[in-house]
Amino acid sequence: MALPFSRFADYFIAVAKTGSLRKAADQLFISVSAVHRQIVLAEEELGVALFERLPSGLKLTLAGELLYADLRSWQKEFQITQKRLNEIQGIQRGSIDFGMIAALSESFVSAVMQSIVQQYPWINFKVRVLDSDRIADLVINAELDFGLILNPKHQHQLQISAFIEMPLGFVIPKQHALAHKEKIYFSDTLEFNHIIPAEPLVIHDHVTALYKKQDFHPRHTIECNDIHMMISLLRQNLGISIMSYLDAAPYIENAEFEFRAINDHGLHPITVALCVAPKRQLSRIAQIMMNQIIIEMEALKSRMLHNIHQ
């Protein structure tokens, strides 16, 4: 549970403590622009400047100091209220058991867990990192509260609470010779090393079918069956790769990699789905976490569309 202004309060307090939009954004795992937008909107709404913009960073104005003190006080009082509400809602104790695919290990999921821990420090977690089919089975059999999987196959046995369609595209290190090109064709990549996903990776079949359809045979290849190793090879500038946006999202969003979506008729995106068993009665805390995951999935979708179309 959170008050409508709590997001701004978190942003404002982080900037006040660090004196920097960048440091605050890193601390909150969000973009600098999102923090800046909240501060500017608040200053416009309140009609006063909250920070002095100095060469060394941001410093609270008198109005900012007053707001900072009030927000800290409100947060402490609200924690007491929240504890009482939690007791009423029956989430004073409990655990969340969920499954997810390995591709989400460095994604928004850990940030959601951090948020839950901050709000409900007594909650325990049981996280299973498995392949999609295994997670789906565990969710269907009520051994997990919910799961984050790829390309769900058991739609009649699973309820899809939210999903994102992740396009496939060329993932290119920032320092690579092709990184500056706005549009990349297969012919542009012939002379470069291709880091190719191997079985049992989900994208293996997609990429193999795409090479076959394009009748494209790269001269230099590295085949690998682990996304983390492929990312490591890309970071060493040892080639380019075709992946889904999800596979490299953290590195695309921090501008370490470029992503060029492949628009090919018949090429299907990878679907990331949040699933539960139909009619499953979830605990209140599991519902809270699922709602936060849905919010983060929508935010990821927005960032993805921005990065693809910019």
Protein backbone atom coordinates (compact mmCIF):
# COMPACT_ATOMS: atom_id res chain seq x y z
CA MET A 1 0.00 0.00 0.00
CA ALA A 2 1.33 3.49 -0.88
CA LEU A 3 -0.01 7.00 -0.85
CA PRO A 4 -0.40 8.72 -4.25
CA PHE A 5 2.41 11.16 -3.44
CA SER A 6 4.80 8.50 -2.12
CA ARG A 7 6.63 8.10 -5.45
CA PHE A 8 7.39 11.80 -5.55
CA ALA A 9 8.38 11.68 -1.88
CA ASP A 10 10.88 8.90 -2.61
CA TYR A 11 12.30 10.81 -5.57
CA PHE A 12 12.48 14.10 -3.69
CA ILE A 13 14.15 12.59 -0.61
CA ALA A 14 16.69 10.71 -2.72
CA VAL A 15 17.66 13.90 -4.58
CA ALA A 16 17.82 15.84 -1.31
CA LYS A 17 20.12 13.24 0.25
CA THR A 18 22.44 12.78 -2.74
CA GLY A 19 22.35 16.29 -4.20
CA SER A 20 22.25 14.74 -7.66
CA LEU A 21 19.57 13.63 -10.11
CA ARG A 22 21.89 10.95 -11.48
CA LYS A 23 22.76 9.47 -8.08
CA ALA A 24 19.11 9.54 -7.03
CA ALA A 25 18.07 7.78 -10.25
CA ASP A 26 20.74 5.08 -9.77
CA GLN A 27 19.60 4.60 -6.18
CA LEU A 28 15.97 4.23 -7.26
CA PHE A 29 16.71 2.10 -10.37
CA ILE A 30 14.89 4.54 -12.65
CA SER A 31 15.82 7.05 -15.34
CA VAL A 32 17.19 10.52 -14.62
CA SER A 33 14.40 12.01 -16.73
CA ALA A 34 11.72 10.40 -14.52
CA VAL A 35 13.23 11.93 -11.38
CA HIS A 36 13.69 15.32 -13.02
CA ARG A 37 10.10 15.33 -14.31
CA GLN A 38 8.67 14.67 -10.83
CA ILE A 39 10.74 17.46 -9.27
CA VAL A 40 9.80 19.98 -11.96
CA LEU A 41 6.09 19.08 -11.77
CA ALA A 42 6.14 19.48 -7.99
CA GLU A 43 7.83 22.88 -8.22
CA GLU A 44 5.24 24.01 -10.76
CA GLU A 45 2.38 22.71 -8.62
CA LEU A 46 3.70 24.27 -5.40
CA GLY A 47 4.79 27.49 -7.07
CA VAL A 48 8.22 27.50 -5.39
CA ALA A 49 11.70 26.24 -6.22
CA LEU A 50 12.65 23.22 -4.13
CA PHE A 51 16.31 23.07 -5.18
CA GLU A 52 19.04 25.49 -6.10
CA ARG A 53 20.78 24.36 -9.31
CA LEU A 54 24.49 24.75 -8.55
CA PRO A 55 27.56 23.67 -10.57
CA SER A 56 28.34 21.19 -7.78
CA GLY A 57 24.83 19.71 -7.75
CA LEU A 58 21.41 20.38 -6.24
CA LYS A 59 20.90 22.07 -2.87
CA LEU A 60 17.61 22.39 -0.99
CA THR A 61 16.04 25.84 -0.86
CA LEU A 62 14.27 26.99 2.30
CA ALA A 63 11.00 25.72 0.82
CA GLY A 64 12.73 22.44 -0.03
CA GLU A 65 14.03 22.04 3.52
CA LEU A 66 10.52 22.59 4.93
CA LEU A 67 9.05 20.03 2.52
CA TYR A 68 11.85 17.57 3.30
CA ALA A 69 11.16 17.78 7.05
CA ASP A 70 7.41 17.36 6.52
CA LEU A 71 7.82 14.41 4.17
CA ARG A 72 10.10 12.61 6.61
CA SER A 73 7.57 13.18 9.36
CA TRP A 74 4.68 12.01 7.18
CA GLN A 75 6.60 8.88 6.20
CA LYS A 76 7.18 7.92 9.83
CA GLU A 77 3.53 8.49 10.72
CA PHE A 78 2.35 6.57 7.66
CA GLN A 79 4.54 3.58 8.54
CA ILE A 80 2.57 3.27 11.78
CA THR A 81 -0.72 3.54 9.90
CA GLN A 82 0.49 1.04 7.31
CA LYS A 83 1.44 -1.46 10.01
CA ARG A 84 -2.06 -1.26 11.45
CA LEU A 85 -3.62 -1.71 8.02
CA ASN A 86 -1.35 -4.69 7.34
CA GLU A 87 -2.53 -6.31 10.54
CA ILE A 88 -6.15 -5.79 9.49
CA GLN A 89 -5.47 -7.20 6.00
CA GLY A 90 -3.76 -10.28 7.40
CA ILE A 91 -0.35 -9.74 5.79
CA GLN A 92 1.61 -9.25 8.97
CA ARG A 93 3.21 -12.63 8.31
CA GLY A 94 3.57 -14.73 5.20
CA SER A 95 5.67 -15.65 2.18
CA ILE A 96 5.63 -15.24 -1.58
CA ASP A 97 6.54 -18.25 -3.71
CA PHE A 98 7.06 -17.48 -7.37
CA GLY A 99 8.98 -18.64 -10.41
CA MET A 100 10.72 -16.79 -13.20
CA ILE A 101 12.91 -17.43 -16.21
CA ALA A 102 16.66 -16.77 -16.01
CA ALA A 103 16.37 -13.90 -18.52
CA LEU A 104 14.70 -11.85 -15.77
CA SER A 105 17.51 -12.32 -13.24
CA GLU A 106 18.80 -8.78 -13.79
CA SER A 107 15.45 -7.18 -14.48
CA PHE A 108 12.74 -5.26 -12.65
CA VAL A 109 11.91 -8.32 -10.51
CA SER A 110 14.70 -7.65 -7.99
CA ALA A 111 13.59 -4.01 -7.73
CA VAL A 112 10.02 -5.14 -6.97
CA MET A 113 11.36 -7.50 -4.29
CA GLN A 114 13.33 -4.64 -2.79
CA SER A 115 10.17 -2.53 -2.65
CA ILE A 116 8.24 -5.36 -0.95
CA VAL A 117 11.02 -5.86 1.60
CA GLN A 118 11.06 -2.15 2.42
CA GLN A 119 7.30 -2.10 2.98
CA TYR A 120 6.92 -5.56 4.56
CA PRO A 121 10.29 -6.59 6.06
CA TRP A 122 8.77 -9.68 7.69
CA ILE A 123 7.75 -11.26 4.37
CA ASN A 124 9.76 -14.28 3.16
CA PHE A 125 10.40 -15.21 -0.48
CA LYS A 126 10.91 -18.48 -2.30
CA VAL A 127 12.18 -17.82 -5.83
CA ARG A 128 12.49 -20.57 -8.44
CA VAL A 129 14.55 -19.78 -11.56
CA LEU A 130 13.54 -22.47 -14.06
CA ASP A 131 12.50 -22.93 -17.68
CA SER A 132 9.04 -21.73 -18.68
CA ASP A 133 7.42 -25.16 -18.96
CA ARG A 134 8.53 -26.17 -15.47
CA ILE A 135 7.32 -22.90 -13.97
CA ALA A 136 3.97 -23.28 -15.73
CA ASP A 137 3.54 -26.77 -14.29
CA LEU A 138 4.30 -25.56 -10.76
CA VAL A 139 1.84 -22.66 -11.10
CA ILE A 140 -0.89 -24.94 -12.47
CA ASN A 141 -0.34 -27.35 -9.56
CA ALA A 142 -0.53 -24.45 -7.05
CA GLU A 143 3.08 -25.03 -5.93
CA LEU A 144 3.88 -21.44 -6.87
CA ASP A 145 1.75 -18.32 -6.39
CA PHE A 146 2.58 -17.00 -9.85
CA GLY A 147 5.20 -17.22 -12.57
CA LEU A 148 6.95 -15.07 -15.16
CA ILE A 149 7.43 -17.17 -18.28
CA LEU A 150 8.06 -16.98 -22.02
CA ASN A 151 5.50 -17.83 -24.69
CA PRO A 152 2.88 -19.54 -22.48
CA LYS A 153 1.55 -22.74 -24.04
CA HIS A 154 -1.12 -23.74 -21.51
CA GLN A 155 -3.53 -20.84 -21.94
CA HIS A 156 -6.52 -22.96 -20.87
CA GLN A 157 -4.76 -23.88 -17.61
CA LEU A 158 -3.15 -20.53 -16.92
CA GLN A 159 -4.55 -17.07 -16.43
CA ILE A 160 -2.40 -14.38 -18.08
CA SER A 161 -2.44 -11.35 -15.78
CA ALA A 162 -0.10 -9.24 -17.93
CA PHE A 163 2.25 -9.69 -20.86
CA ILE A 164 4.82 -7.85 -22.98
CA GLU A 165 5.78 -8.70 -26.54
CA MET A 166 9.54 -8.37 -26.95
CA PRO A 167 10.81 -7.96 -30.53
CA LEU A 168 13.94 -9.63 -31.86
CA GLY A 169 16.74 -7.49 -33.16
CA PHE A 170 20.46 -6.98 -33.61
CA VAL A 171 22.24 -6.33 -30.30
CA ILE A 172 25.42 -4.37 -30.93
CA PRO A 173 28.11 -3.13 -28.54
CA LYS A 174 28.34 0.67 -28.41
CA GLN A 175 31.92 0.62 -29.72
CA HIS A 176 31.11 -1.67 -32.67
CA ALA A 177 31.47 -0.39 -36.23
CA LEU A 178 27.72 -0.92 -36.88
CA ALA A 179 26.53 0.89 -33.73
CA HIS A 180 26.03 4.21 -35.55
CA LYS A 181 23.71 2.78 -38.25
CA GLU A 182 20.01 3.54 -37.77
CA LYS A 183 18.92 0.60 -39.94
CA ILE A 184 20.86 -2.65 -40.20
CA TYR A 185 20.42 -5.26 -42.91
CA PHE A 186 21.79 -8.79 -42.81
CA SER A 187 24.16 -7.92 -45.64
CA ASP A 188 25.71 -5.23 -43.41
CA THR A 189 26.75 -7.89 -40.90
CA LEU A 190 28.38 -10.43 -43.20
CA GLU A 191 31.97 -9.55 -42.32
CA PHE A 192 31.37 -9.45 -38.57
CA ASN A 193 31.36 -12.16 -35.96
CA HIS A 194 27.87 -13.44 -35.08
CA ILE A 195 27.23 -14.65 -31.53
CA ILE A 196 24.45 -17.18 -32.12
CA PRO A 197 22.10 -18.58 -29.45
CA ALA A 198 22.23 -22.36 -29.29
CA GLU A 199 19.78 -24.90 -27.85
CA PRO A 200 18.05 -25.04 -25.41
CA LEU A 201 17.64 -21.24 -25.44
CA VAL A 202 14.11 -20.21 -26.43
CA ILE A 203 15.37 -17.77 -29.06
CA HIS A 204 17.48 -20.46 -30.77
CA ASP A 205 14.61 -21.63 -32.98
CA HIS A 206 13.59 -18.05 -33.81
CA VAL A 207 17.10 -17.03 -34.81
CA THR A 208 17.79 -20.24 -36.74
CA ALA A 209 14.55 -19.82 -38.71
CA LEU A 210 15.41 -16.19 -39.42
CA TYR A 211 18.89 -17.03 -40.79
CA LYS A 212 17.32 -19.74 -42.92
CA LYS A 213 14.60 -17.46 -44.27
CA GLN A 214 17.18 -14.81 -45.14
CA ASP A 215 19.43 -17.52 -46.65
CA PHE A 216 22.16 -15.91 -44.59
CA HIS A 217 25.35 -17.70 -43.57
CA PRO A 218 27.69 -15.55 -41.46
CA ARG A 219 31.36 -16.26 -42.08
CA HIS A 220 32.43 -15.98 -38.46
CA THR A 221 30.33 -17.37 -35.60
CA ILE A 222 30.37 -18.13 -31.90
CA GLU A 223 27.58 -20.44 -30.77
CA CYS A 224 26.58 -20.29 -27.12
CA ASN A 225 23.74 -21.80 -25.07
CA ASP A 226 23.84 -19.27 -22.22
CA ILE A 227 22.52 -15.70 -22.46
CA HIS A 228 24.82 -14.43 -19.70
CA MET A 229 27.87 -15.71 -21.59
CA MET A 230 26.58 -14.15 -24.82
CA ILE A 231 26.21 -10.82 -23.02
CA SER A 232 29.76 -11.16 -21.73
CA LEU A 233 31.04 -11.78 -25.27
CA LEU A 234 29.14 -8.74 -26.55
CA ARG A 235 30.59 -6.59 -23.77
CA GLN A 236 34.05 -7.66 -24.96
CA ASN A 237 33.07 -6.45 -28.45
CA LEU A 238 33.60 -9.94 -29.89
CA GLY A 239 30.70 -9.64 -32.30
CA ILE A 240 27.01 -8.88 -32.68
CA SER A 241 24.01 -11.04 -31.86
CA ILE A 242 20.33 -11.46 -32.56
CA MET A 243 18.36 -11.54 -29.31
CA SER A 244 15.03 -10.49 -27.94
CA TYR A 245 14.94 -7.05 -26.33
CA LEU A 246 14.43 -8.76 -22.98
CA ASP A 247 17.75 -10.61 -23.13
CA ALA A 248 19.80 -7.42 -23.22
CA ALA A 249 17.38 -4.86 -21.76
CA PRO A 250 19.59 -3.63 -18.85
CA TYR A 251 22.52 -3.05 -21.21
CA ILE A 252 20.40 -1.36 -23.86
CA GLU A 253 18.85 0.96 -21.29
CA ASN A 254 22.21 2.00 -19.84
CA ALA A 255 23.45 2.71 -23.40
CA GLU A 256 26.09 -0.04 -23.36
CA PHE A 257 24.44 -1.80 -26.32
CA GLU A 258 22.45 -0.61 -29.31
CA PHE A 259 19.30 -2.47 -30.35
CA ARG A 260 17.97 -2.51 -33.91
CA ALA A 261 14.63 -4.30 -34.20
CA ILE A 262 14.23 -6.71 -37.11
CA ASN A 263 10.99 -6.11 -39.00
CA ASP A 264 10.44 -9.30 -40.91
CA HIS A 265 7.03 -10.63 -41.91
CA GLY A 266 6.32 -13.80 -39.99
CA LEU A 267 8.93 -13.14 -37.30
CA HIS A 268 7.06 -13.43 -34.02
CA PRO A 269 8.11 -11.52 -30.89
CA ILE A 270 8.96 -13.24 -27.63
CA THR A 271 6.10 -12.95 -25.14
CA VAL A 272 6.87 -12.44 -21.45
CA ALA A 273 3.79 -13.32 -19.41
CA LEU A 274 2.81 -13.05 -15.76
CA CYS A 275 0.69 -16.14 -15.04
CA VAL A 276 -1.43 -17.56 -12.24
CA ALA A 277 -3.65 -20.59 -11.96
CA PRO A 278 -7.32 -19.79 -12.71
CA LYS A 279 -9.47 -19.31 -9.60
CA ARG A 280 -6.37 -19.55 -7.37
CA GLN A 281 -6.94 -17.61 -4.14
CA LEU A 282 -3.68 -15.74 -3.66
CA SER A 283 -2.56 -14.18 -0.40
CA ARG A 284 -2.90 -10.43 -0.08
CA ILE A 285 0.87 -9.94 -0.18
CA ALA A 286 1.21 -12.06 -3.35
CA GLN A 287 -1.47 -9.87 -4.98
CA ILE A 288 0.44 -6.75 -3.94
CA MET A 289 3.64 -8.07 -5.51
CA MET A 290 1.85 -9.05 -8.72
CA ASN A 291 0.37 -5.56 -9.00
CA GLN A 292 3.83 -4.04 -8.63
CA ILE A 293 5.20 -6.41 -11.27
CA ILE A 294 2.44 -5.35 -13.68
CA ILE A 295 3.36 -1.70 -13.15
CA GLU A 296 7.03 -2.47 -13.82
CA MET A 297 6.14 -4.48 -16.93
CA GLU A 298 4.26 -1.48 -18.31
CA ALA A 299 7.24 0.75 -17.52
CA LEU A 300 9.57 -1.69 -19.30
CA LYS A 301 7.25 -1.69 -22.31
CA SER A 302 7.34 2.12 -22.46
CA ARG A 303 11.15 2.20 -22.23
CA MET A 304 11.43 -0.48 -24.88
CA LEU A 305 9.19 1.42 -27.33
CA HIS A 306 11.17 4.58 -26.68
CA ASN A 307 14.53 2.89 -27.28
CA ILE A 308 13.32 1.17 -30.44
CA HIS A 309 11.76 4.25 -32.03
CA GLN A 310 14.16 6.97 -30.89
